[in-house]
């Protein structure tokens, strides 16, 4: 299941992503925003990230004006590896090499067609493991307050 969230600027793009997920046969849970009223993106990013971190959802796609703010908020949740992408290549590699579990995009940065291509590549890419797993383990150690040497 995919966690979805956005602020008021991402509402229309989130609907486009829902349409993509429907066409791919993927289920999702929408953590808001639900209406075009100014709001605070950290609330929605946090809700979706908690669902991913807890295992309620497998991964998430979050949208705000740039994708950056909601990504920063989501990234504060332990266990979350956010990629903020505005191109297909970065989205694909963020999954293959970094095993990202939340994709963020900016509704004011990417158009709907590009956003759907980015999301599709990210959703269909697979983590390659191997040497990349060692790096993910290092990131987890940093997250746990351990030293890297």
Protein backbone atom coordinates (compact mmCIF):
# COMPACT_ATOMS: atom_id res chain seq x y z
CA UNK A 1 0.00 0.00 0.00
CA UNK A 2 1.23 3.47 -0.91
CA UNK A 3 0.92 6.36 1.54
CA UNK A 4 -0.11 9.57 -0.22
CA UNK A 5 0.02 13.08 1.19
CA UNK A 6 0.21 16.66 -0.01
CA UNK A 7 -0.28 20.21 1.04
CA UNK A 8 -2.75 22.52 -0.69
CA UNK A 9 -0.38 23.17 -3.61
CA UNK A 10 -0.10 19.46 -4.36
CA UNK A 11 -3.77 18.54 -4.37
CA UNK A 12 -4.25 18.38 -8.16
CA UNK A 13 -0.98 16.51 -8.71
CA UNK A 14 -1.88 14.03 -5.97
CA UNK A 15 -5.06 13.22 -7.91
CA UNK A 16 -2.94 12.53 -11.01
CA UNK A 17 -0.77 10.18 -8.94
CA UNK A 18 -3.91 8.44 -7.66
CA UNK A 19 -4.97 7.90 -11.26
CA UNK A 20 -1.56 6.40 -12.03
CA UNK A 21 -1.75 4.09 -9.01
CA UNK A 22 -5.24 2.99 -10.02
CA UNK A 23 -4.00 2.19 -13.54
CA UNK A 24 -1.13 0.16 -12.05
CA UNK A 25 -3.50 -1.74 -9.73
CA UNK A 26 -1.75 -0.39 -6.62
CA UNK A 27 -3.61 0.42 -3.43
CA UNK A 28 -3.06 3.62 -1.48
CA UNK A 29 -4.09 5.47 1.63
CA UNK A 30 -4.53 9.24 1.46
CA UNK A 31 -3.27 11.12 4.52
CA UNK A 32 -4.45 14.54 3.32
CA UNK A 33 -4.71 17.41 2.43
CA UNK A 34 -8.19 16.87 1.05
CA UNK A 35 -9.21 20.40 0.04
CA UNK A 36 -7.68 23.44 -1.56
CA UNK A 37 -7.19 25.39 1.65
CA UNK A 38 -3.81 26.69 2.83
CA UNK A 39 -2.28 24.31 5.36
CA UNK A 40 0.97 23.12 6.90
CA UNK A 41 2.76 20.37 4.93
CA UNK A 42 4.66 18.94 7.96
CA UNK A 43 1.39 17.54 9.34
CA UNK A 44 0.63 15.51 6.22
CA UNK A 45 4.23 14.49 5.59
CA UNK A 46 4.53 13.25 9.16
CA UNK A 47 1.30 11.23 8.99
CA UNK A 48 2.36 9.47 5.79
CA UNK A 49 5.93 8.88 6.96
CA UNK A 50 4.71 7.34 10.23
CA UNK A 51 2.53 4.95 8.22
CA UNK A 52 5.53 3.89 6.13
CA UNK A 53 7.87 3.58 9.12
CA UNK A 54 5.34 1.48 11.04
CA UNK A 55 4.73 -0.87 8.11
CA UNK A 56 1.12 0.19 7.66
CA UNK A 57 2.18 1.31 4.17
CA UNK A 58 5.05 -0.06 2.09
CA UNK A 59 6.18 3.30 0.72
CA UNK A 60 4.90 6.81 0.11
CA UNK A 61 4.55 9.58 -2.42
CA UNK A 62 4.30 13.10 -1.01
CA UNK A 63 3.79 16.42 -2.78
CA UNK A 64 4.18 20.07 -1.84
CA UNK A 65 5.20 23.14 -3.83
CA UNK A 66 8.82 22.02 -4.30
CA UNK A 67 8.78 18.58 -2.70
CA UNK A 68 11.51 19.76 -0.36
CA UNK A 69 9.58 20.89 2.72
CA UNK A 70 7.33 17.85 2.94
CA UNK A 71 10.42 15.68 2.32
CA UNK A 72 12.34 17.31 5.18
CA UNK A 73 9.38 16.74 7.50
CA UNK A 74 8.96 13.11 6.45
CA UNK A 75 12.69 12.47 6.73
CA UNK A 76 12.62 13.27 10.44
CA UNK A 77 10.74 10.02 11.06
CA UNK A 78 13.12 7.20 11.95
CA UNK A 79 13.43 4.63 9.19
CA UNK A 80 12.43 6.94 6.37
CA UNK A 81 14.68 7.47 3.36
CA UNK A 82 13.30 10.31 1.26
CA UNK A 83 14.16 11.16 -2.32
CA UNK A 84 13.00 14.49 -3.69
CA UNK A 85 13.02 14.09 -7.45
CA UNK A 86 12.28 16.17 -10.49
CA UNK A 87 13.73 13.71 -13.00
CA UNK A 88 13.16 10.05 -13.84
CA UNK A 89 16.79 8.93 -13.54
CA UNK A 90 17.19 10.15 -9.95
CA UNK A 91 13.92 8.51 -8.93
CA UNK A 92 14.96 5.16 -10.38
CA UNK A 93 18.47 5.25 -8.85
CA UNK A 94 17.15 6.40 -5.48
CA UNK A 95 15.26 3.12 -5.27
CA UNK A 96 17.94 0.90 -6.82
CA UNK A 97 20.85 2.28 -4.77
CA UNK A 98 19.33 3.96 -1.71
CA UNK A 99 16.18 1.88 -1.22
CA UNK A 100 14.21 5.11 -0.77
CA UNK A 101 10.82 4.52 0.78
CA UNK A 102 9.29 7.94 0.22
CA UNK A 103 9.30 9.89 -3.03
CA UNK A 104 8.56 13.60 -2.88
CA UNK A 105 7.86 15.91 -5.79
CA UNK A 106 7.09 19.58 -6.27
CA UNK A 107 3.80 20.50 -7.87
CA UNK A 108 5.35 23.85 -8.82
CA UNK A 109 8.44 22.11 -10.23
CA UNK A 110 7.21 19.18 -12.34
CA UNK A 111 4.17 18.91 -14.57
CA UNK A 112 1.70 16.10 -14.20
CA UNK A 113 3.05 13.97 -17.06
CA UNK A 114 6.63 14.15 -15.79
CA UNK A 115 5.43 13.47 -12.23
CA UNK A 116 3.67 10.32 -13.40
CA UNK A 117 6.81 9.15 -15.23
CA UNK A 118 8.92 9.83 -12.12
CA UNK A 119 6.46 7.98 -9.88
CA UNK A 120 6.17 5.05 -12.30
CA UNK A 121 9.95 4.56 -12.50
CA UNK A 122 10.31 4.81 -8.74
CA UNK A 123 7.45 2.40 -8.10
CA UNK A 124 8.73 -0.20 -10.56
CA UNK A 125 12.44 0.03 -9.67
CA UNK A 126 13.86 -2.55 -7.27
CA UNK A 127 16.56 -2.18 -4.64
CA UNK A 128 19.74 -3.83 -5.89
CA UNK A 129 21.13 -4.75 -2.47
CA UNK A 130 24.74 -5.90 -2.44
CA UNK A 131 27.20 -3.07 -1.86
CA UNK A 132 24.25 -0.70 -1.60
CA UNK A 133 22.92 -2.55 1.45
CA UNK A 134 26.16 -1.77 3.27
CA UNK A 135 25.55 1.92 2.66
CA UNK A 136 21.95 1.68 3.87
CA UNK A 137 23.26 0.00 7.02
CA UNK A 138 25.64 2.94 7.50
CA UNK A 139 22.76 5.39 7.13
CA UNK A 140 20.81 3.44 9.74
CA UNK A 141 23.78 3.60 12.10
CA UNK A 142 23.92 7.37 11.67
CA UNK A 143 20.19 7.56 12.34
CA UNK A 144 20.74 5.55 15.53
CA UNK A 145 23.40 7.98 16.72
CA UNK A 146 26.30 5.63 16.09
CA UNK A 147 29.70 6.72 14.81
CA UNK A 148 31.00 5.73 11.40
CA UNK A 149 34.69 4.91 11.16
